[in-house]
Amino acid sequence: MVAQTSYIYFLNMFLKPLNPIIGETLEAGYPDGTRMYMEQISHHPPVSYFLVIGPEDSYRFSGFYRFDARAGWNSLTLINSGHRSLVFANGQRIDSGFLKNLYTGCFYGDFKEES
């Protein structure tokens, strides 16, 4: 469920500027009653907090993302940190962190992603 729900952030990220300013917010509502709130709280490093409330308060998905990137001659390392929590109406809770993604072959050779 966490993996399926976390796409909401990425689904909406291009509705706002790619380099958001501190204090910029995004609020969205979906036809099923889901509500989403986000705020950019830091620019360097970029940190975004989010809260997704499911239909009829069936779940709450919240947390923050912090992104960092490092480039090599033919590679890119994305370091995603932060915390995500999914809490269901019955009290069940799922907490998760992030993986470190390494992309190689960005400019030449075979492109490969490792997590």
PDB file of N, CA and C in Angstrom:
ATOM      1  N   MET A   1       0.827  -1.193   0.000  1.00  0.00           N
ATOM      2  CA  MET A   1       0.000   0.000   0.000  1.00  0.00           C
ATOM      3  C   MET A   1       0.872   1.259   0.000  1.00  0.00           C
ATOM      4  N   VAL A   2       1.964   1.240   0.757  1.00  0.00           N
ATOM      5  CA  VAL A   2       2.835   2.420   0.812  1.00  0.00           C
ATOM      6  C   VAL A   2       3.376   2.728  -0.577  1.00  0.00           C
ATOM      7  N   ALA A   3       3.867   1.701  -1.264  1.00  0.00           N
ATOM      8  CA  ALA A   3       4.425   1.929  -2.600  1.00  0.00           C
ATOM      9  C   ALA A   3       3.360   2.458  -3.547  1.00  0.00           C
ATOM     10  N   GLN A   4       2.164   1.946  -3.444  1.00  0.00           N
ATOM     11  CA  GLN A   4       1.093   2.391  -4.332  1.00  0.00           C
ATOM     12  C   GLN A   4       0.659   3.807  -4.006  1.00  0.00           C
ATOM     13  N   THR A   5       0.647   4.160  -2.734  1.00  0.00           N
ATOM     14  CA  THR A   5       0.193   5.483  -2.327  1.00  0.00           C
ATOM     15  C   THR A   5       1.260   6.537  -2.578  1.00  0.00           C
ATOM     16  N   SER A   6       2.530   6.171  -2.470  1.00  0.00           N
ATOM     17  CA  SER A   6       3.590   7.164  -2.578  1.00  0.00           C
ATOM     18  C   SER A   6       3.677   7.795  -3.963  1.00  0.00           C
ATOM     19  N   TYR A   7       3.087   7.162  -4.969  1.00  0.00           N
ATOM     20  CA  TYR A   7       3.124   7.742  -6.304  1.00  0.00           C
ATOM     21  C   TYR A   7       2.372   9.070  -6.372  1.00  0.00           C
ATOM     22  N   ILE A   8       1.484   9.335  -5.429  1.00  0.00           N
ATOM     23  CA  ILE A   8       0.682  10.561  -5.467  1.00  0.00           C
ATOM     24  C   ILE A   8       1.587  11.786  -5.521  1.00  0.00           C
ATOM     25  N   TYR A   9       2.667  11.759  -4.752  1.00  0.00           N
ATOM     26  CA  TYR A   9       3.600  12.888  -4.754  1.00  0.00           C
ATOM     27  C   TYR A   9       4.159  13.112  -6.151  1.00  0.00           C
ATOM     28  N   PHE A  10       4.661  12.049  -6.759  1.00  0.00           N
ATOM     29  CA  PHE A  10       5.305  12.175  -8.058  1.00  0.00           C
ATOM     30  C   PHE A  10       4.293  12.462  -9.151  1.00  0.00           C
ATOM     31  N   LEU A  11       3.073  11.994  -8.991  1.00  0.00           N
ATOM     32  CA  LEU A  11       2.018  12.249  -9.960  1.00  0.00           C
ATOM     33  C   LEU A  11       1.721  13.742 -10.050  1.00  0.00           C
ATOM     34  N   ASN A  12       1.862  14.460  -8.949  1.00  0.00           N
ATOM     35  CA  ASN A  12       1.510  15.878  -8.903  1.00  0.00           C
ATOM     36  C   ASN A  12       2.695  16.822  -8.925  1.00  0.00           C
ATOM     37  N   MET A  13       3.915  16.313  -8.890  1.00  0.00           N
ATOM     38  CA  MET A  13       5.047  17.210  -8.740  1.00  0.00           C
ATOM     39  C   MET A  13       5.230  18.136  -9.933  1.00  0.00           C
ATOM     40  N   PHE A  14       4.811  17.767 -11.125  1.00  0.00           N
ATOM     41  CA  PHE A  14       4.999  18.633 -12.273  1.00  0.00           C
ATOM     42  C   PHE A  14       3.879  19.655 -12.424  1.00  0.00           C
ATOM     43  N   LEU A  15       2.928  19.653 -11.507  1.00  0.00           N
ATOM     44  CA  LEU A  15       1.903  20.694 -11.504  1.00  0.00           C
ATOM     45  C   LEU A  15       2.453  21.970 -10.881  1.00  0.00           C
ATOM     46  N   LYS A  16       3.591  21.876 -10.231  1.00  0.00           N
ATOM     47  CA  LYS A  16       4.212  23.014  -9.564  1.00  0.00           C
ATOM     48  C   LYS A  16       5.597  23.213 -10.182  1.00  0.00           C
ATOM     49  N   PRO A  17       6.256  24.347  -9.896  1.00  0.00           N
ATOM     50  CA  PRO A  17       7.600  24.572 -10.439  1.00  0.00           C
ATOM     51  C   PRO A  17       8.576  23.462 -10.015  1.00  0.00           C
ATOM     52  N   LEU A  18       9.549  23.205 -10.865  1.00  0.00           N
ATOM     53  CA  LEU A  18      10.518  22.160 -10.556  1.00  0.00           C
ATOM     54  C   LEU A  18      11.509  22.588  -9.480  1.00  0.00           C
ATOM     55  N   ASN A  19      11.602  23.861  -9.198  1.00  0.00           N
ATOM     56  CA  ASN A  19      12.503  24.358  -8.172  1.00  0.00           C
ATOM     57  C   ASN A  19      11.686  25.216  -7.200  1.00  0.00           C
ATOM     58  N   PRO A  20      10.875  24.569  -6.360  1.00  0.00           N
ATOM     59  CA  PRO A  20       9.948  25.323  -5.510  1.00  0.00           C
ATOM     60  C   PRO A  20      10.662  26.158  -4.459  1.00  0.00           C
ATOM     61  N   ILE A  21       9.972  27.204  -4.039  1.00  0.00           N
ATOM     62  CA  ILE A  21      10.514  28.105  -3.033  1.00  0.00           C
ATOM     63  C   ILE A  21      10.011  27.686  -1.650  1.00  0.00           C
ATOM     64  N   ILE A  22      10.702  28.117  -0.623  1.00  0.00           N
ATOM     65  CA  ILE A  22      10.312  27.803   0.745  1.00  0.00           C
ATOM     66  C   ILE A  22       8.917  28.352   1.013  1.00  0.00           C
ATOM     67  N   GLY A  23       8.092  27.538   1.635  1.00  0.00           N
ATOM     68  CA  GLY A  23       6.745  27.957   1.980  1.00  0.00           C
ATOM     69  C   GLY A  23       5.725  27.697   0.891  1.00  0.00           C
ATOM     70  N   GLU A  24       6.175  27.267  -0.275  1.00  0.00           N
ATOM     71  CA  GLU A  24       5.229  26.975  -1.345  1.00  0.00           C
ATOM     72  C   GLU A  24       4.417  25.748  -0.961  1.00  0.00           C
ATOM     73  N   THR A  25       3.128  25.796  -1.227  1.00  0.00           N
ATOM     74  CA  THR A  25       2.249  24.691  -0.845  1.00  0.00           C
ATOM     75  C   THR A  25       1.508  24.149  -2.059  1.00  0.00           C
ATOM     76  N   LEU A  26       1.054  22.932  -1.910  1.00  0.00           N
ATOM     77  CA  LEU A  26       0.220  22.282  -2.905  1.00  0.00           C
ATOM     78  C   LEU A  26      -0.902  21.593  -2.151  1.00  0.00           C
ATOM     79  N   GLU A  27      -2.127  21.886  -2.530  1.00  0.00           N
ATOM     80  CA  GLU A  27      -3.289  21.215  -1.956  1.00  0.00           C
ATOM     81  C   GLU A  27      -4.065  20.608  -3.107  1.00  0.00           C
ATOM     82  N   ALA A  28      -4.515  19.382  -2.925  1.00  0.00           N
ATOM     83  CA  ALA A  28      -5.264  18.719  -3.986  1.00  0.00           C
ATOM     84  C   ALA A  28      -6.374  17.874  -3.372  1.00  0.00           C
ATOM     85  N   GLY A  29      -7.422  17.711  -4.128  1.00  0.00           N
ATOM     86  CA  GLY A  29      -8.517  16.835  -3.742  1.00  0.00           C
ATOM     87  C   GLY A  29      -8.830  15.926  -4.917  1.00  0.00           C
ATOM     88  N   TYR A  30      -9.203  14.701  -4.630  1.00  0.00           N
ATOM     89  CA  TYR A  30      -9.490  13.734  -5.669  1.00  0.00           C
ATOM     90  C   TYR A  30     -10.957  13.313  -5.591  1.00  0.00           C
ATOM     91  N   PRO A  31     -11.524  12.839  -6.702  1.00  0.00           N
ATOM     92  CA  PRO A  31     -12.944  12.502  -6.739  1.00  0.00           C
ATOM     93  C   PRO A  31     -13.392  11.495  -5.674  1.00  0.00           C
ATOM     94  N   ASP A  32     -12.488  10.627  -5.223  1.00  0.00           N
ATOM     95  CA  ASP A  32     -12.877   9.634  -4.210  1.00  0.00           C
ATOM     96  C   ASP A  32     -12.899  10.210  -2.796  1.00  0.00           C
ATOM     97  N   GLY A  33     -12.530  11.486  -2.645  1.00  0.00           N
ATOM     98  CA  GLY A  33     -12.518  12.126  -1.333  1.00  0.00           C
ATOM     99  C   GLY A  33     -11.141  12.252  -0.721  1.00  0.00           C
ATOM    100  N   THR A  34     -10.124  11.714  -1.374  1.00  0.00           N
ATOM    101  CA  THR A  34      -8.754  11.829  -0.879  1.00  0.00           C
ATOM    102  C   THR A  34      -8.317  13.294  -0.939  1.00  0.00           C
ATOM    103  N   ARG A  35      -7.641  13.743   0.132  1.00  0.00           N
ATOM    104  CA  ARG A  35      -7.110  15.104   0.186  1.00  0.00           C
ATOM    105  C   ARG A  35      -5.603  15.029   0.378  1.00  0.00           C
ATOM    106  N   MET A  36      -4.883  15.960  -0.232  1.00  0.00           N
ATOM    107  CA  MET A  36      -3.434  15.960  -0.153  1.00  0.00           C
ATOM    108  C   MET A  36      -2.941  17.374   0.128  1.00  0.00           C
ATOM    109  N   TYR A  37      -1.977  17.468   1.043  1.00  0.00           N
ATOM    110  CA  TYR A  37      -1.373  18.752   1.412  1.00  0.00           C
ATOM    111  C   TYR A  37       0.136  18.581   1.403  1.00  0.00           C
ATOM    112  N   MET A  38       0.843  19.541   0.809  1.00  0.00           N
ATOM    113  CA  MET A  38       2.300  19.498   0.763  1.00  0.00           C
ATOM    114  C   MET A  38       2.861  20.890   0.987  1.00  0.00           C
ATOM    115  N   GLU A  39       4.081  20.932   1.539  1.00  0.00           N
ATOM    116  CA  GLU A  39       4.751  22.220   1.706  1.00  0.00           C
ATOM    117  C   GLU A  39       6.249  22.028   1.558  1.00  0.00           C
ATOM    118  N   GLN A  40       6.869  22.949   0.820  1.00  0.00           N
ATOM    119  CA  GLN A  40       8.323  22.980   0.689  1.00  0.00           C
ATOM    120  C   GLN A  40       8.856  23.743   1.892  1.00  0.00           C
ATOM    121  N   ILE A  41       9.647  23.073   2.753  1.00  0.00           N
ATOM    122  CA  ILE A  41      10.092  23.742   3.975  1.00  0.00           C
ATOM    123  C   ILE A  41      11.569  24.123   3.953  1.00  0.00           C
ATOM    124  N   SER A  42      12.309  23.638   2.951  1.00  0.00           N
ATOM    125  CA  SER A  42      13.721  23.982   2.833  1.00  0.00           C
ATOM    126  C   SER A  42      14.102  23.941   1.358  1.00  0.00           C
ATOM    127  N   HIS A  43      14.987  24.848   0.962  1.00  0.00           N
ATOM    128  CA  HIS A  43      15.408  24.894  -0.438  1.00  0.00           C
ATOM    129  C   HIS A  43      16.726  24.142  -0.653  1.00  0.00           C
ATOM    130  N   HIS A  44      17.711  24.376   0.212  1.00  0.00           N
ATOM    131  CA  HIS A  44      18.998  23.661   0.127  1.00  0.00           C
ATOM    132  C   HIS A  44      19.336  23.103   1.487  1.00  0.00           C
ATOM    133  N   PRO A  45      19.149  21.834   1.716  1.00  0.00           N
ATOM    134  CA  PRO A  45      18.678  20.822   0.770  1.00  0.00           C
ATOM    135  C   PRO A  45      17.158  20.910   0.591  1.00  0.00           C
ATOM    136  N   PRO A  46      16.657  20.456  -0.553  1.00  0.00           N
ATOM    137  CA  PRO A  46      15.214  20.494  -0.755  1.00  0.00           C
ATOM    138  C   PRO A  46      14.505  19.496   0.164  1.00  0.00           C
ATOM    139  N   VAL A  47      13.565  19.993   0.947  1.00  0.00           N
ATOM    140  CA  VAL A  47      12.783  19.148   1.865  1.00  0.00           C
ATOM    141  C   VAL A  47      11.312  19.503   1.686  1.00  0.00           C
ATOM    142  N   SER A  48      10.492  18.485   1.495  1.00  0.00           N
ATOM    143  CA  SER A  48       9.050  18.659   1.353  1.00  0.00           C
ATOM    144  C   SER A  48       8.322  17.773   2.348  1.00  0.00           C
ATOM    145  N   TYR A  49       7.376  18.350   3.054  1.00  0.00           N
ATOM    146  CA  TYR A  49       6.494  17.583   3.943  1.00  0.00           C
ATOM    147  C   TYR A  49       5.184  17.345   3.217  1.00  0.00           C
ATOM    148  N   PHE A  50       4.516  16.239   3.545  1.00  0.00           N
ATOM    149  CA  PHE A  50       3.256  15.934   2.892  1.00  0.00           C
ATOM    150  C   PHE A  50       2.309  15.220   3.856  1.00  0.00           C
ATOM    151  N   LEU A  51       1.021  15.344   3.566  1.00  0.00           N
ATOM    152  CA  LEU A  51      -0.038  14.651   4.292  1.00  0.00           C
ATOM    153  C   LEU A  51      -1.104  14.284   3.283  1.00  0.00           C
ATOM    154  N   VAL A  52      -1.447  13.002   3.211  1.00  0.00           N
ATOM    155  CA  VAL A  52      -2.524  12.518   2.359  1.00  0.00           C
ATOM    156  C   VAL A  52      -3.546  11.879   3.286  1.00  0.00           C
ATOM    157  N   ILE A  53      -4.793  12.332   3.182  1.00  0.00           N
ATOM    158  CA  ILE A  53      -5.874  11.794   4.005  1.00  0.00           C
ATOM    159  C   ILE A  53      -6.831  11.059   3.075  1.00  0.00           C
ATOM    160  N   GLY A  54      -7.007   9.771   3.326  1.00  0.00           N
ATOM    161  CA  GLY A  54      -7.838   8.940   2.468  1.00  0.00           C
ATOM    162  C   GLY A  54      -9.314   9.251   2.602  1.00  0.00           C
ATOM    163  N   PRO A  55     -10.112   8.708   1.697  1.00  0.00           N
ATOM    164  CA  PRO A  55     -11.554   8.936   1.730  1.00  0.00           C
ATOM    165  C   PRO A  55     -12.142   8.556   3.097  1.00  0.00           C
ATOM    166  N   GLU A  56     -12.975   9.427   3.634  1.00  0.00           N
ATOM    167  CA  GLU A  56     -13.624   9.196   4.928  1.00  0.00           C
ATOM    168  C   GLU A  56     -12.610   8.897   6.029  1.00  0.00           C
ATOM    169  N   ASP A  57     -11.415   9.507   5.907  1.00  0.00           N
ATOM    170  CA  ASP A  57     -10.330   9.347   6.885  1.00  0.00           C
ATOM    171  C   ASP A  57      -9.944   7.877   7.083  1.00  0.00           C
ATOM    172  N   SER A  58      -9.990   7.099   5.993  1.00  0.00           N
ATOM    173  CA  SER A  58      -9.667   5.671   6.065  1.00  0.00           C
ATOM    174  C   SER A  58      -8.184   5.419   6.302  1.00  0.00           C
ATOM    175  N   TYR A  59      -7.335   6.371   5.957  1.00  0.00           N
ATOM    176  CA  TYR A  59      -5.900   6.271   6.227  1.00  0.00           C
ATOM    177  C   TYR A  59      -5.310   7.673   6.211  1.00  0.00           C
ATOM    178  N   ARG A  60      -4.117   7.786   6.778  1.00  0.00           N
ATOM    179  CA  ARG A  60      -3.315   9.009   6.714  1.00  0.00           C
ATOM    180  C   ARG A  60      -1.901   8.606   6.324  1.00  0.00           C
ATOM    181  N   PHE A  61      -1.430   9.183   5.252  1.00  0.00           N
ATOM    182  CA  PHE A  61      -0.091   8.919   4.743  1.00  0.00           C
ATOM    183  C   PHE A  61       0.672  10.224   4.874  1.00  0.00           C
ATOM    184  N   SER A  62       1.724  10.242   5.695  1.00  0.00           N
ATOM    185  CA  SER A  62       2.425  11.495   5.963  1.00  0.00           C
ATOM    186  C   SER A  62       3.919  11.261   6.052  1.00  0.00           C
ATOM    187  N   GLY A  63       4.646  12.350   5.994  1.00  0.00           N
ATOM    188  CA  GLY A  63       6.093  12.257   6.130  1.00  0.00           C
ATOM    189  C   GLY A  63       6.787  13.407   5.445  1.00  0.00           C
ATOM    190  N   PHE A  64       8.074  13.193   5.171  1.00  0.00           N
ATOM    191  CA  PHE A  64       8.842  14.219   4.466  1.00  0.00           C
ATOM    192  C   PHE A  64       9.861  13.559   3.565  1.00  0.00           C
ATOM    193  N   TYR A  65      10.221  14.279   2.503  1.00  0.00           N
ATOM    194  CA  TYR A  65      11.230  13.853   1.544  1.00  0.00           C
ATOM    195  C   TYR A  65      12.374  14.852   1.577  1.00  0.00           C
ATOM    196  N   ARG A  66      13.576  14.320   1.545  1.00  0.00           N
ATOM    197  CA  ARG A  66      14.768  15.160   1.396  1.00  0.00           C
ATOM    198  C   ARG A  66      15.583  14.558   0.272  1.00  0.00           C
ATOM    199  N   PHE A  67      15.923  15.355  -0.718  1.00  0.00           N
ATOM    200  CA  PHE A  67      16.622  14.869  -1.893  1.00  0.00           C
ATOM    201  C   PHE A  67      18.034  15.429  -1.947  1.00  0.00           C
ATOM    202  N   ASP A  68      18.962  14.588  -2.375  1.00  0.00           N
ATOM    203  CA  ASP A  68      20.334  15.014  -2.602  1.00  0.00           C
ATOM    204  C   ASP A  68      20.822  14.246  -3.819  1.00  0.00           C
ATOM    205  N   ALA A  69      21.656  14.841  -4.629  1.00  0.00           N
ATOM    206  CA  ALA A  69      22.167  14.183  -5.833  1.00  0.00           C
ATOM    207  C   ALA A  69      23.670  14.390  -5.935  1.00  0.00           C
ATOM    208  N   ARG A  70      24.326  13.374  -6.455  1.00  0.00           N
ATOM    209  CA  ARG A  70      25.758  13.452  -6.717  1.00  0.00           C
ATOM    210  C   ARG A  70      26.004  12.918  -8.126  1.00  0.00           C
ATOM    211  N   ALA A  71      26.805  13.624  -8.878  1.00  0.00           N
ATOM    212  CA  ALA A  71      27.072  13.224 -10.254  1.00  0.00           C
ATOM    213  C   ALA A  71      28.512  12.771 -10.414  1.00  0.00           C
ATOM    214  N   GLY A  72      28.684  11.739 -11.221  1.00  0.00           N
ATOM    215  CA  GLY A  72      30.008  11.256 -11.598  1.00  0.00           C
ATOM    216  C   GLY A  72      30.170  11.414 -13.102  1.00  0.00           C
ATOM    217  N   TRP A  73      31.249  10.855 -13.666  1.00  0.00           N
ATOM    218  CA  TRP A  73      31.484  10.979 -15.102  1.00  0.00           C
ATOM    219  C   TRP A  73      30.366  10.338 -15.909  1.00  0.00           C
ATOM    220  N   ASN A  74      29.889   9.214 -15.467  1.00  0.00           N
ATOM    221  CA  ASN A  74      28.847   8.515 -16.224  1.00  0.00           C
ATOM    222  C   ASN A  74      27.801   7.949 -15.264  1.00  0.00           C
ATOM    223  N   SER A  75      27.615   8.627 -14.139  1.00  0.00           N
ATOM    224  CA  SER A  75      26.658   8.107 -13.164  1.00  0.00           C
ATOM    225  C   SER A  75      25.985   9.245 -12.418  1.00  0.00           C
ATOM    226  N   LEU A  76      24.887   8.913 -11.814  1.00  0.00           N
ATOM    227  CA  LEU A  76      24.137   9.850 -10.989  1.00  0.00           C
ATOM    228  C   LEU A  76      23.632   9.077  -9.782  1.00  0.00           C
ATOM    229  N   THR A  77      23.914   9.593  -8.598  1.00  0.00           N
ATOM    230  CA  THR A  77      23.434   8.972  -7.372  1.00  0.00           C
ATOM    231  C   THR A  77      22.383   9.883  -6.755  1.00  0.00           C
ATOM    232  N   LEU A  78      21.183   9.357  -6.572  1.00  0.00           N
ATOM    233  CA  LEU A  78      20.116  10.097  -5.909  1.00  0.00           C
ATOM    234  C   LEU A  78      19.970   9.549  -4.503  1.00  0.00           C
ATOM    235  N   ILE A  79      20.087  10.425  -3.542  1.00  0.00           N
ATOM    236  CA  ILE A  79      19.961  10.011  -2.149  1.00  0.00           C
ATOM    237  C   ILE A  79      18.660  10.605  -1.622  1.00  0.00           C
ATOM    238  N   ASN A  80      17.691   9.738  -1.430  1.00  0.00           N
ATOM    239  CA  ASN A  80      16.398  10.138  -0.908  1.00  0.00           C
ATOM    240  C   ASN A  80      16.357   9.762   0.559  1.00  0.00           C
ATOM    241  N   SER A  81      16.118  10.726   1.400  1.00  0.00           N
ATOM    242  CA  SER A  81      15.998  10.423   2.816  1.00  0.00           C
ATOM    243  C   SER A  81      14.711  11.043   3.320  1.00  0.00           C
ATOM    244  N   GLY A  82      14.385  10.733   4.526  1.00  0.00           N
ATOM    245  CA  GLY A  82      13.140  11.209   5.099  1.00  0.00           C
ATOM    246  C   GLY A  82      12.412  10.056   5.752  1.00  0.00           C
ATOM    247  N   HIS A  83      11.147  10.238   5.925  1.00  0.00           N
ATOM    248  CA  HIS A  83      10.351   9.209   6.607  1.00  0.00           C
ATOM    249  C   HIS A  83       8.928   9.250   6.071  1.00  0.00           C
ATOM    250  N   ARG A  84       8.322   8.078   5.943  1.00  0.00           N
ATOM    251  CA  ARG A  84       6.930   7.962   5.519  1.00  0.00           C
ATOM    252  C   ARG A  84       6.193   7.084   6.513  1.00  0.00           C
ATOM    253  N   SER A  85       4.976   7.478   6.856  1.00  0.00           N
ATOM    254  CA  SER A  85       4.121   6.693   7.745  1.00  0.00           C
ATOM    255  C   SER A  85       2.745   6.572   7.130  1.00  0.00           C
ATOM    256  N   LEU A  86       2.232   5.363   7.136  1.00  0.00           N
ATOM    257  CA  LEU A  86       0.876   5.103   6.680  1.00  0.00           C
ATOM    258  C   LEU A  86       0.106   4.554   7.869  1.00  0.00           C
ATOM    259  N   VAL A  87      -0.933   5.266   8.300  1.00  0.00           N
ATOM    260  CA  VAL A  87      -1.721   4.864   9.462  1.00  0.00           C
ATOM    261  C   VAL A  87      -3.161   4.664   9.010  1.00  0.00           C
ATOM    262  N   PHE A  88      -3.667   3.461   9.238  1.00  0.00           N
ATOM    263  CA  PHE A  88      -5.043   3.138   8.862  1.00  0.00           C
ATOM    264  C   PHE A  88      -6.004   3.496   9.992  1.00  0.00           C
ATOM    265  N   ALA A  89      -7.269   3.580   9.664  1.00  0.00           N
ATOM    266  CA  ALA A  89      -8.300   3.955  10.637  1.00  0.00           C
ATOM    267  C   ALA A  89      -8.345   2.994  11.827  1.00  0.00           C
ATOM    268  N   ASN A  90      -7.980   1.741  11.614  1.00  0.00           N
ATOM    269  CA  ASN A  90      -7.994   0.762  12.708  1.00  0.00           C
ATOM    270  C   ASN A  90      -6.750   0.837  13.588  1.00  0.00           C
ATOM    271  N   GLY A  91      -5.837   1.769  13.298  1.00  0.00           N
ATOM    272  CA  GLY A  91      -4.642   1.960  14.111  1.00  0.00           C
ATOM    273  C   GLY A  91      -3.401   1.264  13.577  1.00  0.00           C
ATOM    274  N   GLN A  92      -3.548   0.379  12.594  1.00  0.00           N
ATOM    275  CA  GLN A  92      -2.375  -0.283  12.025  1.00  0.00           C
ATOM    276  C   GLN A  92      -1.471   0.760  11.393  1.00  0.00           C
ATOM    277  N   ARG A  93      -0.163   0.617  11.621  1.00  0.00           N
ATOM    278  CA  ARG A  93       0.811   1.611  11.166  1.00  0.00           C
ATOM    279  C   ARG A  93       1.932   0.927  10.392  1.00  0.00           C
ATOM    280  N   ILE A  94       2.329   1.554   9.293  1.00  0.00           N
ATOM    281  CA  ILE A  94       3.454   1.078   8.500  1.00  0.00           C
ATOM    282  C   ILE A  94       4.404   2.265   8.332  1.00  0.00           C
ATOM    283  N   ASP A  95       5.640   2.103   8.772  1.00  0.00           N
ATOM    284  CA  ASP A  95       6.666   3.140   8.633  1.00  0.00           C
ATOM    285  C   ASP A  95       7.708   2.668   7.633  1.00  0.00           C
ATOM    286  N   SER A  96       8.218   3.589   6.845  1.00  0.00           N
ATOM    287  CA  SER A  96       9.253   3.206   5.886  1.00  0.00           C
ATOM    288  C   SER A  96      10.191   4.374   5.621  1.00  0.00           C
ATOM    289  N   GLY A  97      11.363   4.025   5.151  1.00  0.00           N
ATOM    290  CA  GLY A  97      12.362   5.009   4.766  1.00  0.00           C
ATOM    291  C   GLY A  97      12.528   4.985   3.256  1.00  0.00           C
ATOM    292  N   PHE A  98      13.722   5.282   2.785  1.00  0.00           N
ATOM    293  CA  PHE A  98      13.986   5.378   1.365  1.00  0.00           C
ATOM    294  C   PHE A  98      15.212   4.576   0.983  1.00  0.00           C
ATOM    295  N   LEU A  99      15.284   4.248  -0.297  1.00  0.00           N
ATOM    296  CA  LEU A  99      16.446   3.581  -0.854  1.00  0.00           C
ATOM    297  C   LEU A  99      17.379   4.613  -1.481  1.00  0.00           C
ATOM    298  N   LYS A 100      18.628   4.243  -1.628  1.00  0.00           N
ATOM    299  CA  LYS A 100      19.594   5.058  -2.364  1.00  0.00           C
ATOM    300  C   LYS A 100      19.590   4.532  -3.800  1.00  0.00           C
ATOM    301  N   ASN A 101      19.389   5.389  -4.768  1.00  0.00           N
ATOM    302  CA  ASN A 101      19.336   4.981  -6.168  1.00  0.00           C
ATOM    303  C   ASN A 101      20.622   5.392  -6.873  1.00  0.00           C
ATOM    304  N   LEU A 102      21.197   4.454  -7.620  1.00  0.00           N
ATOM    305  CA  LEU A 102      22.402   4.716  -8.405  1.00  0.00           C
ATOM    306  C   LEU A 102      22.069   4.468  -9.872  1.00  0.00           C
ATOM    307  N   TYR A 103      22.269   5.477 -10.705  1.00  0.00           N
ATOM    308  CA  TYR A 103      22.039   5.359 -12.139  1.00  0.00           C
ATOM    309  C   TYR A 103      23.387   5.416 -12.839  1.00  0.00           C
ATOM    310  N   THR A 104      23.705   4.393 -13.618  1.00  0.00           N
ATOM    311  CA  THR A 104      24.959   4.372 -14.370  1.00  0.00           C
ATOM    312  C   THR A 104      24.634   4.279 -15.861  1.00  0.00           C
ATOM    313  N   GLY A 105      25.606   4.607 -16.684  1.00  0.00           N
ATOM    314  CA  GLY A 105      25.379   4.622 -18.121  1.00  0.00           C
ATOM    315  C   GLY A 105      24.505   5.789 -18.533  1.00  0.00           C
ATOM    316  N   CYS A 106      24.585   6.870 -17.795  1.00  0.00           N
ATOM    317  CA  CYS A 106      23.722   8.029 -18.070  1.00  0.00           C
ATOM    318  C   CYS A 106      24.069   8.700 -19.398  1.00  0.00           C
ATOM    319  N   PHE A 107      25.339   8.700 -19.785  1.00  0.00           N
ATOM    320  CA  PHE A 107      25.762   9.402 -20.983  1.00  0.00           C
ATOM    321  C   PHE A 107      26.235   8.466 -22.091  1.00  0.00           C
ATOM    322  N   TYR A 108      26.815   7.332 -21.718  1.00  0.00           N
ATOM    323  CA  TYR A 108      27.240   6.351 -22.708  1.00  0.00           C
ATOM    324  C   TYR A 108      27.180   4.972 -22.082  1.00  0.00           C
ATOM    325  N   GLY A 109      27.104   3.958 -22.925  1.00  0.00           N
ATOM    326  CA  GLY A 109      26.968   2.589 -22.430  1.00  0.00           C
ATOM    327  C   GLY A 109      25.519   2.270 -22.088  1.00  0.00           C
ATOM    328  N   ASP A 110      25.321   1.129 -21.461  1.00  0.00           N
ATOM    329  CA  ASP A 110      23.980   0.696 -21.099  1.00  0.00           C
ATOM    330  C   ASP A 110      23.511   1.401 -19.833  1.00  0.00           C
ATOM    331  N   PHE A 111      22.328   1.983 -19.917  1.00  0.00           N
ATOM    332  CA  PHE A 111      21.749   2.655 -18.758  1.00  0.00           C
ATOM    333  C   PHE A 111      21.293   1.589 -17.763  1.00  0.00           C
ATOM    334  N   LYS A 112      21.615   1.802 -16.465  1.00  0.00           N
ATOM    335  CA  LYS A 112      21.231   0.837 -15.432  1.00  0.00           C
ATOM    336  C   LYS A 112      20.870   1.584 -14.169  1.00  0.00           C
ATOM    337  N   GLU A 113      19.846   1.097 -13.480  1.00  0.00           N
ATOM    338  CA  GLU A 113      19.440   1.662 -12.189  1.00  0.00           C
ATOM    339  C   GLU A 113      19.581   0.591 -11.117  1.00  0.00           C
ATOM    340  N   GLU A 114      20.165   0.980  -9.998  1.00  0.00           N
ATOM    341  CA  GLU A 114      20.294   0.088  -8.844  1.00  0.00           C
ATOM    342  C   GLU A 114      19.742   0.788  -7.628  1.00  0.00           C
ATOM    343  N   SER A 115      19.014   0.048  -6.809  1.00  0.00           N
ATOM    344  CA  SER A 115      18.492   0.602  -5.557  1.00  0.00           C
ATOM    345  C   SER A 115      19.032  -0.180  -4.384  1.00  0.00           C
TER     346      SER A 115
END
